[in-house]
Amino acid sequence: MAAEEGDDFSARLTRAREQRGLSQAEVARLAGLQAAAIGHFERDRRKPSFANVRALARALNVSSDFLLGRSASMEGATTAFRGEENLSYHDREHIQLMIDMMNQRRGDGKV
């Protein structure tokens, strides 16, 4: 299924970023990209590599299929907990930091 005009990668990226309440700089940091790259992608001046699409999808908690126009719904990224979709991006990030800390403690032999 091809993306409709006005609903291409750049439009979907912008919509996902705005719905998540993130700035271009925040998305860039989360995806490990330069802030200018996000602006180029959103203005359709450059096309992202497949690796960048995956990084953006992960940073925005959407599926790559949504960004690429293969899925109409932004949902589809897996959620770990019931009700997670009702949390803000920043709340989910805080929870992920706690999970990472627990995993690190476990790896250090501290349980």
PDB file of N, CA and C in Angstrom:
ATOM      1  N   MET A   1       0.847  -1.164   0.000  1.00  0.00           N
ATOM      2  CA  MET A   1       0.000   0.000   0.000  1.00  0.00           C
ATOM      3  C   MET A   1       0.897   1.233   0.000  1.00  0.00           C
ATOM      4  N   ALA A   2       0.814   2.050  -0.981  1.00  0.00           N
ATOM      5  CA  ALA A   2       1.631   3.250  -1.085  1.00  0.00           C
ATOM      6  C   ALA A   2       1.029   4.368  -0.244  1.00  0.00           C
ATOM      7  N   ALA A   3       1.905   5.234   0.207  1.00  0.00           N
ATOM      8  CA  ALA A   3       1.427   6.392   0.959  1.00  0.00           C
ATOM      9  C   ALA A   3       0.721   7.347   0.017  1.00  0.00           C
ATOM     10  N   GLU A   4      -0.354   7.946   0.485  1.00  0.00           N
ATOM     11  CA  GLU A   4      -1.079   8.923  -0.321  1.00  0.00           C
ATOM     12  C   GLU A   4      -0.292  10.226  -0.329  1.00  0.00           C
ATOM     13  N   GLU A   5      -0.525  11.055  -1.342  1.00  0.00           N
ATOM     14  CA  GLU A   5       0.152  12.337  -1.409  1.00  0.00           C
ATOM     15  C   GLU A   5      -0.186  13.138  -0.162  1.00  0.00           C
ATOM     16  N   GLY A   6       0.812  13.811   0.403  1.00  0.00           N
ATOM     17  CA  GLY A   6       0.608  14.539   1.642  1.00  0.00           C
ATOM     18  C   GLY A   6       0.682  13.646   2.857  1.00  0.00           C
ATOM     19  N   ASP A   7       0.886  12.383   2.649  1.00  0.00           N
ATOM     20  CA  ASP A   7       0.989  11.416   3.744  1.00  0.00           C
ATOM     21  C   ASP A   7       2.226  10.556   3.510  1.00  0.00           C
ATOM     22  N   ASP A   8       3.316  11.194   3.116  1.00  0.00           N
ATOM     23  CA  ASP A   8       4.552  10.487   2.851  1.00  0.00           C
ATOM     24  C   ASP A   8       5.395  10.396   4.127  1.00  0.00           C
ATOM     25  N   PHE A   9       6.605   9.904   3.990  1.00  0.00           N
ATOM     26  CA  PHE A   9       7.480   9.716   5.145  1.00  0.00           C
ATOM     27  C   PHE A   9       7.622  11.006   5.948  1.00  0.00           C
ATOM     28  N   SER A  10       7.879  12.122   5.253  1.00  0.00           N
ATOM     29  CA  SER A  10       8.109  13.379   5.963  1.00  0.00           C
ATOM     30  C   SER A  10       6.885  13.792   6.787  1.00  0.00           C
ATOM     31  N   ALA A  11       5.706  13.645   6.228  1.00  0.00           N
ATOM     32  CA  ALA A  11       4.478  14.001   6.945  1.00  0.00           C
ATOM     33  C   ALA A  11       4.239  13.063   8.120  1.00  0.00           C
ATOM     34  N   ARG A  12       4.493  11.782   7.919  1.00  0.00           N
ATOM     35  CA  ARG A  12       4.280  10.809   8.989  1.00  0.00           C
ATOM     36  C   ARG A  12       5.277  11.004  10.125  1.00  0.00           C
ATOM     37  N   LEU A  13       6.522  11.298   9.772  1.00  0.00           N
ATOM     38  CA  LEU A  13       7.541  11.560  10.791  1.00  0.00           C
ATOM     39  C   LEU A  13       7.137  12.778  11.630  1.00  0.00           C
ATOM     40  N   THR A  14       6.730  13.836  10.967  1.00  0.00           N
ATOM     41  CA  THR A  14       6.318  15.056  11.665  1.00  0.00           C
ATOM     42  C   THR A  14       5.117  14.782  12.560  1.00  0.00           C
ATOM     43  N   ARG A  15       4.134  14.061  12.031  1.00  0.00           N
ATOM     44  CA  ARG A  15       2.925  13.759  12.812  1.00  0.00           C
ATOM     45  C   ARG A  15       3.266  12.934  14.050  1.00  0.00           C
ATOM     46  N   ALA A  16       4.097  11.913  13.885  1.00  0.00           N
ATOM     47  CA  ALA A  16       4.468  11.070  15.020  1.00  0.00           C
ATOM     48  C   ALA A  16       5.235  11.884  16.059  1.00  0.00           C
ATOM     49  N   ARG A  17       6.166  12.706  15.609  1.00  0.00           N
ATOM     50  CA  ARG A  17       6.958  13.524  16.537  1.00  0.00           C
ATOM     51  C   ARG A  17       6.051  14.473  17.317  1.00  0.00           C
ATOM     52  N   GLU A  18       5.160  15.157  16.619  1.00  0.00           N
ATOM     53  CA  GLU A  18       4.262  16.113  17.277  1.00  0.00           C
ATOM     54  C   GLU A  18       3.297  15.410  18.216  1.00  0.00           C
ATOM     55  N   GLN A  19       2.783  14.264  17.822  1.00  0.00           N
ATOM     56  CA  GLN A  19       1.854  13.538  18.693  1.00  0.00           C
ATOM     57  C   GLN A  19       2.556  13.061  19.961  1.00  0.00           C
ATOM     58  N   ARG A  20       3.829  12.762  19.859  1.00  0.00           N
ATOM     59  CA  ARG A  20       4.598  12.335  21.035  1.00  0.00           C
ATOM     60  C   ARG A  20       5.061  13.520  21.872  1.00  0.00           C
ATOM     61  N   GLY A  21       4.841  14.731  21.365  1.00  0.00           N
ATOM     62  CA  GLY A  21       5.214  15.929  22.115  1.00  0.00           C
ATOM     63  C   GLY A  21       6.713  16.152  22.187  1.00  0.00           C
ATOM     64  N   LEU A  22       7.422  15.765  21.134  1.00  0.00           N
ATOM     65  CA  LEU A  22       8.878  15.880  21.116  1.00  0.00           C
ATOM     66  C   LEU A  22       9.343  16.926  20.121  1.00  0.00           C
ATOM     67  N   SER A  23      10.441  17.568  20.425  1.00  0.00           N
ATOM     68  CA  SER A  23      11.063  18.493  19.479  1.00  0.00           C
ATOM     69  C   SER A  23      11.928  17.695  18.506  1.00  0.00           C
ATOM     70  N   GLN A  24      12.341  18.330  17.435  1.00  0.00           N
ATOM     71  CA  GLN A  24      13.249  17.674  16.493  1.00  0.00           C
ATOM     72  C   GLN A  24      14.549  17.291  17.202  1.00  0.00           C
ATOM     73  N   ALA A  25      15.039  18.167  18.074  1.00  0.00           N
ATOM     74  CA  ALA A  25      16.285  17.887  18.795  1.00  0.00           C
ATOM     75  C   ALA A  25      16.134  16.673  19.709  1.00  0.00           C
ATOM     76  N   GLU A  26      14.974  16.539  20.365  1.00  0.00           N
ATOM     77  CA  GLU A  26      14.745  15.389  21.240  1.00  0.00           C
ATOM     78  C   GLU A  26      14.694  14.098  20.431  1.00  0.00           C
ATOM     79  N   VAL A  27      14.005  14.117  19.300  1.00  0.00           N
ATOM     80  CA  VAL A  27      13.939  12.925  18.456  1.00  0.00           C
ATOM     81  C   VAL A  27      15.336  12.556  17.962  1.00  0.00           C
ATOM     82  N   ALA A  28      16.096  13.555  17.566  1.00  0.00           N
ATOM     83  CA  ALA A  28      17.458  13.299  17.091  1.00  0.00           C
ATOM     84  C   ALA A  28      18.295  12.630  18.177  1.00  0.00           C
ATOM     85  N   ARG A  29      18.220  13.159  19.385  1.00  0.00           N
ATOM     86  CA  ARG A  29      18.992  12.584  20.493  1.00  0.00           C
ATOM     87  C   ARG A  29      18.569  11.142  20.751  1.00  0.00           C
ATOM     88  N   LEU A  30      17.261  10.896  20.794  1.00  0.00           N
ATOM     89  CA  LEU A  30      16.751   9.554  21.069  1.00  0.00           C
ATOM     90  C   LEU A  30      17.112   8.556  19.968  1.00  0.00           C
ATOM     91  N   ALA A  31      17.185   9.057  18.735  1.00  0.00           N
ATOM     92  CA  ALA A  31      17.479   8.180  17.595  1.00  0.00           C
ATOM     93  C   ALA A  31      18.977   8.104  17.294  1.00  0.00           C
ATOM     94  N   GLY A  32      19.772   8.909  17.977  1.00  0.00           N
ATOM     95  CA  GLY A  32      21.208   8.906  17.727  1.00  0.00           C
ATOM     96  C   GLY A  32      21.574   9.579  16.413  1.00  0.00           C
ATOM     97  N   LEU A  33      20.803  10.595  16.030  1.00  0.00           N
ATOM     98  CA  LEU A  33      21.025  11.312  14.778  1.00  0.00           C
ATOM     99  C   LEU A  33      21.313  12.781  15.063  1.00  0.00           C
ATOM    100  N   GLN A  34      21.761  13.496  14.056  1.00  0.00           N
ATOM    101  CA  GLN A  34      21.959  14.932  14.158  1.00  0.00           C
ATOM    102  C   GLN A  34      20.593  15.623  14.087  1.00  0.00           C
ATOM    103  N   ALA A  35      20.423  16.690  14.847  1.00  0.00           N
ATOM    104  CA  ALA A  35      19.156  17.418  14.838  1.00  0.00           C
ATOM    105  C   ALA A  35      18.817  17.933  13.433  1.00  0.00           C
ATOM    106  N   ALA A  36      19.830  18.354  12.694  1.00  0.00           N
ATOM    107  CA  ALA A  36      19.580  18.856  11.333  1.00  0.00           C
ATOM    108  C   ALA A  36      18.992  17.772  10.438  1.00  0.00           C
ATOM    109  N   ALA A  37      19.352  16.525  10.687  1.00  0.00           N
ATOM    110  CA  ALA A  37      18.838  15.421   9.869  1.00  0.00           C
ATOM    111  C   ALA A  37      17.325  15.306   9.996  1.00  0.00           C
ATOM    112  N   ILE A  38      16.815  15.500  11.210  1.00  0.00           N
ATOM    113  CA  ILE A  38      15.369  15.402  11.416  1.00  0.00           C
ATOM    114  C   ILE A  38      14.662  16.478  10.597  1.00  0.00           C
ATOM    115  N   GLY A  39      15.190  17.675  10.616  1.00  0.00           N
ATOM    116  CA  GLY A  39      14.623  18.763   9.815  1.00  0.00           C
ATOM    117  C   GLY A  39      14.644  18.445   8.333  1.00  0.00           C
ATOM    118  N   HIS A  40      15.740  17.873   7.849  1.00  0.00           N
ATOM    119  CA  HIS A  40      15.834  17.489   6.433  1.00  0.00           C
ATOM    120  C   HIS A  40      14.799  16.417   6.093  1.00  0.00           C
ATOM    121  N   PHE A  41      14.639  15.433   6.968  1.00  0.00           N
ATOM    122  CA  PHE A  41      13.664  14.370   6.719  1.00  0.00           C
ATOM    123  C   PHE A  41      12.245  14.930   6.728  1.00  0.00           C
ATOM    124  N   GLU A  42      11.954  15.810   7.689  1.00  0.00           N
ATOM    125  CA  GLU A  42      10.594  16.361   7.787  1.00  0.00           C
ATOM    126  C   GLU A  42      10.265  17.297   6.626  1.00  0.00           C
ATOM    127  N   ARG A  43      11.258  17.926   6.046  1.00  0.00           N
ATOM    128  CA  ARG A  43      11.014  18.821   4.903  1.00  0.00           C
ATOM    129  C   ARG A  43      11.214  18.094   3.572  1.00  0.00           C
ATOM    130  N   ASP A  44      11.423  16.786   3.647  1.00  0.00           N
ATOM    131  CA  ASP A  44      11.583  15.929   2.469  1.00  0.00           C
ATOM    132  C   ASP A  44      12.780  16.360   1.609  1.00  0.00           C
ATOM    133  N   ARG A  45      13.808  16.864   2.264  1.00  0.00           N
ATOM    134  CA  ARG A  45      15.031  17.239   1.558  1.00  0.00           C
ATOM    135  C   ARG A  45      15.986  16.073   1.428  1.00  0.00           C
ATOM    136  N   ARG A  46      15.862  15.120   2.351  1.00  0.00           N
ATOM    137  CA  ARG A  46      16.686  13.906   2.318  1.00  0.00           C
ATOM    138  C   ARG A  46      15.818  12.715   2.689  1.00  0.00           C
ATOM    139  N   LYS A  47      16.221  11.563   2.187  1.00  0.00           N
ATOM    140  CA  LYS A  47      15.545  10.314   2.532  1.00  0.00           C
ATOM    141  C   LYS A  47      16.419   9.565   3.532  1.00  0.00           C
ATOM    142  N   PRO A  48      15.825   9.010   4.576  1.00  0.00           N
ATOM    143  CA  PRO A  48      16.610   8.296   5.579  1.00  0.00           C
ATOM    144  C   PRO A  48      17.014   6.908   5.084  1.00  0.00           C
ATOM    145  N   SER A  49      18.121   6.426   5.605  1.00  0.00           N
ATOM    146  CA  SER A  49      18.516   5.040   5.342  1.00  0.00           C
ATOM    147  C   SER A  49      17.569   4.123   6.108  1.00  0.00           C
ATOM    148  N   PHE A  50      17.606   2.835   5.800  1.00  0.00           N
ATOM    149  CA  PHE A  50      16.770   1.880   6.511  1.00  0.00           C
ATOM    150  C   PHE A  50      17.115   1.891   7.999  1.00  0.00           C
ATOM    151  N   ALA A  51      18.413   1.962   8.316  1.00  0.00           N
ATOM    152  CA  ALA A  51      18.830   1.994   9.722  1.00  0.00           C
ATOM    153  C   ALA A  51      18.262   3.221  10.425  1.00  0.00           C
ATOM    154  N   ASN A  52      18.229   4.350   9.727  1.00  0.00           N
ATOM    155  CA  ASN A  52      17.670   5.567  10.324  1.00  0.00           C
ATOM    156  C   ASN A  52      16.161   5.465  10.508  1.00  0.00           C
ATOM    157  N   VAL A  53      15.472   4.821   9.577  1.00  0.00           N
ATOM    158  CA  VAL A  53      14.028   4.608   9.737  1.00  0.00           C
ATOM    159  C   VAL A  53      13.773   3.786  10.995  1.00  0.00           C
ATOM    160  N   ARG A  54      14.546   2.729  11.177  1.00  0.00           N
ATOM    161  CA  ARG A  54      14.384   1.896  12.381  1.00  0.00           C
ATOM    162  C   ARG A  54      14.661   2.698  13.644  1.00  0.00           C
ATOM    163  N   ALA A  55      15.726   3.502  13.631  1.00  0.00           N
ATOM    164  CA  ALA A  55      16.072   4.304  14.803  1.00  0.00           C
ATOM    165  C   ALA A  55      14.975   5.325  15.110  1.00  0.00           C
ATOM    166  N   LEU A  56      14.426   5.948  14.079  1.00  0.00           N
ATOM    167  CA  LEU A  56      13.349   6.921  14.271  1.00  0.00           C
ATOM    168  C   LEU A  56      12.090   6.243  14.801  1.00  0.00           C
ATOM    169  N   ALA A  57      11.758   5.084  14.254  1.00  0.00           N
ATOM    170  CA  ALA A  57      10.577   4.353  14.715  1.00  0.00           C
ATOM    171  C   ALA A  57      10.714   3.996  16.190  1.00  0.00           C
ATOM    172  N   ARG A  58      11.885   3.546  16.560  1.00  0.00           N
ATOM    173  CA  ARG A  58      12.110   3.181  17.961  1.00  0.00           C
ATOM    174  C   ARG A  58      12.022   4.419  18.858  1.00  0.00           C
ATOM    175  N   ALA A  59      12.655   5.510  18.429  1.00  0.00           N
ATOM    176  CA  ALA A  59      12.640   6.740  19.222  1.00  0.00           C
ATOM    177  C   ALA A  59      11.229   7.276  19.411  1.00  0.00           C
ATOM    178  N   LEU A  60      10.384   7.105  18.398  1.00  0.00           N
ATOM    179  CA  LEU A  60       9.014   7.634  18.435  1.00  0.00           C
ATOM    180  C   LEU A  60       7.994   6.609  18.913  1.00  0.00           C
ATOM    181  N   ASN A  61       8.447   5.389  19.162  1.00  0.00           N
ATOM    182  CA  ASN A  61       7.561   4.308  19.602  1.00  0.00           C
ATOM    183  C   ASN A  61       6.430   4.082  18.602  1.00  0.00           C
ATOM    184  N   VAL A  62       6.805   4.011  17.329  1.00  0.00           N
ATOM    185  CA  VAL A  62       5.874   3.669  16.252  1.00  0.00           C
ATOM    186  C   VAL A  62       6.526   2.570  15.427  1.00  0.00           C
ATOM    187  N   SER A  63       5.757   1.954  14.557  1.00  0.00           N
ATOM    188  CA  SER A  63       6.334   0.930  13.695  1.00  0.00           C
ATOM    189  C   SER A  63       7.003   1.582  12.490  1.00  0.00           C
ATOM    190  N   SER A  64       8.005   0.908  11.976  1.00  0.00           N
ATOM    191  CA  SER A  64       8.642   1.363  10.735  1.00  0.00           C
ATOM    192  C   SER A  64       7.618   1.377   9.616  1.00  0.00           C
ATOM    193  N   ASP A  65       6.701   0.426   9.622  1.00  0.00           N
ATOM    194  CA  ASP A  65       5.663   0.366   8.594  1.00  0.00           C
ATOM    195  C   ASP A  65       4.829   1.638   8.585  1.00  0.00           C
ATOM    196  N   PHE A  66       4.542   2.197   9.754  1.00  0.00           N
ATOM    197  CA  PHE A  66       3.792   3.448   9.788  1.00  0.00           C
ATOM    198  C   PHE A  66       4.588   4.557   9.109  1.00  0.00           C
ATOM    199  N   LEU A  67       5.859   4.706   9.484  1.00  0.00           N
ATOM    200  CA  LEU A  67       6.672   5.778   8.902  1.00  0.00           C
ATOM    201  C   LEU A  67       6.812   5.627   7.392  1.00  0.00           C
ATOM    202  N   LEU A  68       6.850   4.380   6.923  1.00  0.00           N
ATOM    203  CA  LEU A  68       7.029   4.122   5.496  1.00  0.00           C
ATOM    204  C   LEU A  68       5.723   4.122   4.711  1.00  0.00           C
ATOM    205  N   GLY A  69       4.595   4.325   5.386  1.00  0.00           N
ATOM    206  CA  GLY A  69       3.311   4.395   4.698  1.00  0.00           C
ATOM    207  C   GLY A  69       2.688   3.045   4.425  1.00  0.00           C
ATOM    208  N   ARG A  70       3.180   2.001   5.070  1.00  0.00           N
ATOM    209  CA  ARG A  70       2.626   0.653   4.868  1.00  0.00           C
ATOM    210  C   ARG A  70       1.536   0.316   5.861  1.00  0.00           C
ATOM    211  N   SER A  71       1.392   1.159   6.878  1.00  0.00           N
ATOM    212  CA  SER A  71       0.379   0.949   7.904  1.00  0.00           C
ATOM    213  C   SER A  71      -0.283   2.288   8.188  1.00  0.00           C
ATOM    214  N   ALA A  72      -1.601   2.267   8.312  1.00  0.00           N
ATOM    215  CA  ALA A  72      -2.333   3.511   8.563  1.00  0.00           C
ATOM    216  C   ALA A  72      -2.253   3.946  10.019  1.00  0.00           C
ATOM    217  N   SER A  73      -1.959   3.015  10.901  1.00  0.00           N
ATOM    218  CA  SER A  73      -1.975   3.305  12.328  1.00  0.00           C
ATOM    219  C   SER A  73      -0.578   3.532  12.878  1.00  0.00           C
ATOM    220  N   MET A  74      -0.456   4.529  13.720  1.00  0.00           N
ATOM    221  CA  MET A  74       0.808   4.781  14.397  1.00  0.00           C
ATOM    222  C   MET A  74       1.073   3.691  15.427  1.00  0.00           C
ATOM    223  N   GLU A  75       0.027   3.103  15.911  1.00  0.00           N
ATOM    224  CA  GLU A  75       0.187   2.037  16.891  1.00  0.00           C
ATOM    225  C   GLU A  75       0.786   0.830  16.188  1.00  0.00           C
ATOM    226  N   GLY A  76       1.262  -0.082  16.962  1.00  0.00           N
ATOM    227  CA  GLY A  76       1.859  -1.252  16.353  1.00  0.00           C
ATOM    228  C   GLY A  76       3.214  -1.543  16.952  1.00  0.00           C
ATOM    229  N   ALA A  77       3.820  -0.536  17.538  1.00  0.00           N
ATOM    230  CA  ALA A  77       5.037  -0.799  18.287  1.00  0.00           C
ATOM    231  C   ALA A  77       4.598  -1.545  19.533  1.00  0.00           C
ATOM    232  N   THR A  78       5.382  -2.471  19.943  1.00  0.00           N
ATOM    233  CA  THR A  78       4.982  -3.277  21.085  1.00  0.00           C
ATOM    234  C   THR A  78       4.999  -2.453  22.359  1.00  0.00           C
ATOM    235  N   THR A  79       4.116  -2.815  23.256  1.00  0.00           N
ATOM    236  CA  THR A  79       4.112  -2.194  24.573  1.00  0.00           C
ATOM    237  C   THR A  79       4.425  -3.271  25.595  1.00  0.00           C
ATOM    238  N   ALA A  80       5.040  -2.879  26.667  1.00  0.00           N
ATOM    239  CA  ALA A  80       5.475  -3.840  27.670  1.00  0.00           C
ATOM    240  C   ALA A  80       4.448  -4.037  28.772  1.00  0.00           C
ATOM    241  N   PHE A  81       3.644  -3.025  29.047  1.00  0.00           N
ATOM    242  CA  PHE A  81       2.735  -3.075  30.181  1.00  0.00           C
ATOM    243  C   PHE A  81       1.345  -2.617  29.789  1.00  0.00           C
ATOM    244  N   ARG A  82       0.332  -3.167  30.468  1.00  0.00           N
ATOM    245  CA  ARG A  82      -1.031  -2.713  30.241  1.00  0.00           C
ATOM    246  C   ARG A  82      -1.118  -1.226  30.535  1.00  0.00           C
ATOM    247  N   GLY A  83      -1.779  -0.492  29.663  1.00  0.00           N
ATOM    248  CA  GLY A  83      -1.973   0.929  29.874  1.00  0.00           C
ATOM    249  C   GLY A  83      -0.790   1.786  29.474  1.00  0.00           C
ATOM    250  N   GLU A  84       0.278   1.180  28.995  1.00  0.00           N
ATOM    251  CA  GLU A  84       1.472   1.941  28.628  1.00  0.00           C
ATOM    252  C   GLU A  84       1.180   2.994  27.573  1.00  0.00           C
ATOM    253  N   GLU A  85       0.267   2.686  26.677  1.00  0.00           N
ATOM    254  CA  GLU A  85      -0.053   3.635  25.604  1.00  0.00           C
ATOM    255  C   GLU A  85      -0.661   4.935  26.141  1.00  0.00           C
ATOM    256  N   ASN A  86      -1.131   4.921  27.387  1.00  0.00           N
ATOM    257  CA  ASN A  86      -1.711   6.119  27.989  1.00  0.00           C
ATOM    258  C   ASN A  86      -0.668   7.007  28.666  1.00  0.00           C
ATOM    259  N   LEU A  87       0.566   6.524  28.754  1.00  0.00           N
ATOM    260  CA  LEU A  87       1.634   7.302  29.382  1.00  0.00           C
ATOM    261  C   LEU A  87       2.260   8.245  28.371  1.00  0.00           C
ATOM    262  N   SER A  88       2.823   9.316  28.869  1.00  0.00           N
ATOM    263  CA  SER A  88       3.545  10.231  27.981  1.00  0.00           C
ATOM    264  C   SER A  88       4.855   9.576  27.569  1.00  0.00           C
ATOM    265  N   TYR A  89       5.439  10.112  26.522  1.00  0.00           N
ATOM    266  CA  TYR A  89       6.728   9.591  26.080  1.00  0.00           C
ATOM    267  C   TYR A  89       7.743   9.689  27.216  1.00  0.00           C
ATOM    268  N   HIS A  90       7.752  10.811  27.931  1.00  0.00           N
ATOM    269  CA  HIS A  90       8.728  11.021  28.995  1.00  0.00           C
ATOM    270  C   HIS A  90       8.514  10.042  30.149  1.00  0.00           C
ATOM    271  N   ASP A  91       7.266   9.700  30.453  1.00  0.00           N
ATOM    272  CA  ASP A  91       6.994   8.701  31.482  1.00  0.00           C
ATOM    273  C   ASP A  91       7.532   7.336  31.050  1.00  0.00           C
ATOM    274  N   ARG A  92       7.308   6.973  29.784  1.00  0.00           N
ATOM    275  CA  ARG A  92       7.826   5.689  29.286  1.00  0.00           C
ATOM    276  C   ARG A  92       9.355   5.679  29.317  1.00  0.00           C
ATOM    277  N   GLU A  93       9.974   6.811  28.999  1.00  0.00           N
ATOM    278  CA  GLU A  93      11.428   6.912  29.037  1.00  0.00           C
ATOM    279  C   GLU A  93      11.937   6.713  30.465  1.00  0.00           C
ATOM    280  N   HIS A  94      11.242   7.290  31.441  1.00  0.00           N
ATOM    281  CA  HIS A  94      11.625   7.131  32.841  1.00  0.00           C
ATOM    282  C   HIS A  94      11.532   5.655  33.253  1.00  0.00           C
ATOM    283  N   ILE A  95      10.459   5.005  32.864  1.00  0.00           N
ATOM    284  CA  ILE A  95      10.301   3.575  33.176  1.00  0.00           C
ATOM    285  C   ILE A  95      11.418   2.774  32.519  1.00  0.00           C
ATOM    286  N   GLN A  96      11.753   3.096  31.264  1.00  0.00           N
ATOM    287  CA  GLN A  96      12.821   2.372  30.582  1.00  0.00           C
ATOM    288  C   GLN A  96      14.153   2.556  31.305  1.00  0.00           C
ATOM    289  N   LEU A  97      14.415   3.751  31.814  1.00  0.00           N
ATOM    290  CA  LEU A  97      15.649   3.994  32.574  1.00  0.00           C
ATOM    291  C   LEU A  97      15.689   3.128  33.831  1.00  0.00           C
ATOM    292  N   MET A  98      14.546   2.975  34.498  1.00  0.00           N
ATOM    293  CA  MET A  98      14.492   2.114  35.683  1.00  0.00           C
ATOM    294  C   MET A  98      14.746   0.659  35.298  1.00  0.00           C
ATOM    295  N   ILE A  99      14.167   0.209  34.187  1.00  0.00           N
ATOM    296  CA  ILE A  99      14.388  -1.164  33.725  1.00  0.00           C
ATOM    297  C   ILE A  99      15.862  -1.376  33.390  1.00  0.00           C
ATOM    298  N   ASP A 100      16.462  -0.407  32.698  1.00  0.00           N
ATOM    299  CA  ASP A 100      17.885  -0.518  32.358  1.00  0.00           C
ATOM    300  C   ASP A 100      18.740  -0.604  33.615  1.00  0.00           C
ATOM    301  N   MET A 101      18.409   0.203  34.627  1.00  0.00           N
ATOM    302  CA  MET A 101      19.163   0.187  35.878  1.00  0.00           C
ATOM    303  C   MET A 101      19.035  -1.176  36.561  1.00  0.00           C
ATOM    304  N   MET A 102      17.827  -1.733  36.577  1.00  0.00           N
ATOM    305  CA  MET A 102      17.628  -3.049  37.193  1.00  0.00           C
ATOM    306  C   MET A 102      18.401  -4.126  36.446  1.00  0.00           C
ATOM    307  N   ASN A 103      18.383  -4.056  35.118  1.00  0.00           N
ATOM    308  CA  ASN A 103      19.136  -5.032  34.332  1.00  0.00           C
ATOM    309  C   ASN A 103      20.633  -4.903  34.587  1.00  0.00           C
ATOM    310  N   GLN A 104      21.113  -3.678  34.743  1.00  0.00           N
ATOM    311  CA  GLN A 104      22.526  -3.454  35.022  1.00  0.00           C
ATOM    312  C   GLN A 104      22.896  -4.033  36.377  1.00  0.00           C
ATOM    313  N   ARG A 105      22.060  -3.800  37.377  1.00  0.00           N
ATOM    314  CA  ARG A 105      22.309  -4.357  38.707  1.00  0.00           C
ATOM    315  C   ARG A 105      22.352  -5.871  38.651  1.00  0.00           C
ATOM    316  N   ARG A 106      21.433  -6.440  37.894  1.00  0.00           N
ATOM    317  CA  ARG A 106      21.369  -7.900  37.757  1.00  0.00           C
ATOM    318  C   ARG A 106      22.641  -8.424  37.096  1.00  0.00           C
ATOM    319  N   GLY A 107      23.122  -7.698  36.086  1.00  0.00           N
ATOM    320  CA  GLY A 107      24.343  -8.088  35.397  1.00  0.00           C
ATOM    321  C   GLY A 107      25.581  -7.978  36.258  1.00  0.00           C
ATOM    322  N   ASP A 108      25.528  -7.079  37.257  1.00  0.00           N
ATOM    323  CA  ASP A 108      26.640  -6.901  38.177  1.00  0.00           C
ATOM    324  C   ASP A 108      26.579  -7.883  39.323  1.00  0.00           C
ATOM    325  N   GLY A 109      25.577  -8.763  39.334  1.00  0.00           N
ATOM    326  CA  GLY A 109      25.418  -9.722  40.405  1.00  0.00           C
ATOM    327  C   GLY A 109      24.696  -9.166  41.612  1.00  0.00           C
ATOM    328  N   LYS A 110      24.151  -7.967  41.501  1.00  0.00           N
ATOM    329  CA  LYS A 110      23.430  -7.338  42.605  1.00  0.00           C
ATOM    330  C   LYS A 110      21.934  -7.497  42.351  1.00  0.00           C
ATOM    331  N   VAL A 111      21.289  -8.317  43.112  1.00  0.00           N
ATOM    332  CA  VAL A 111      19.854  -8.533  42.919  1.00  0.00           C
ATOM    333  C   VAL A 111      19.080  -8.075  44.120  1.00  0.00           C
TER     334      VAL A 111
END
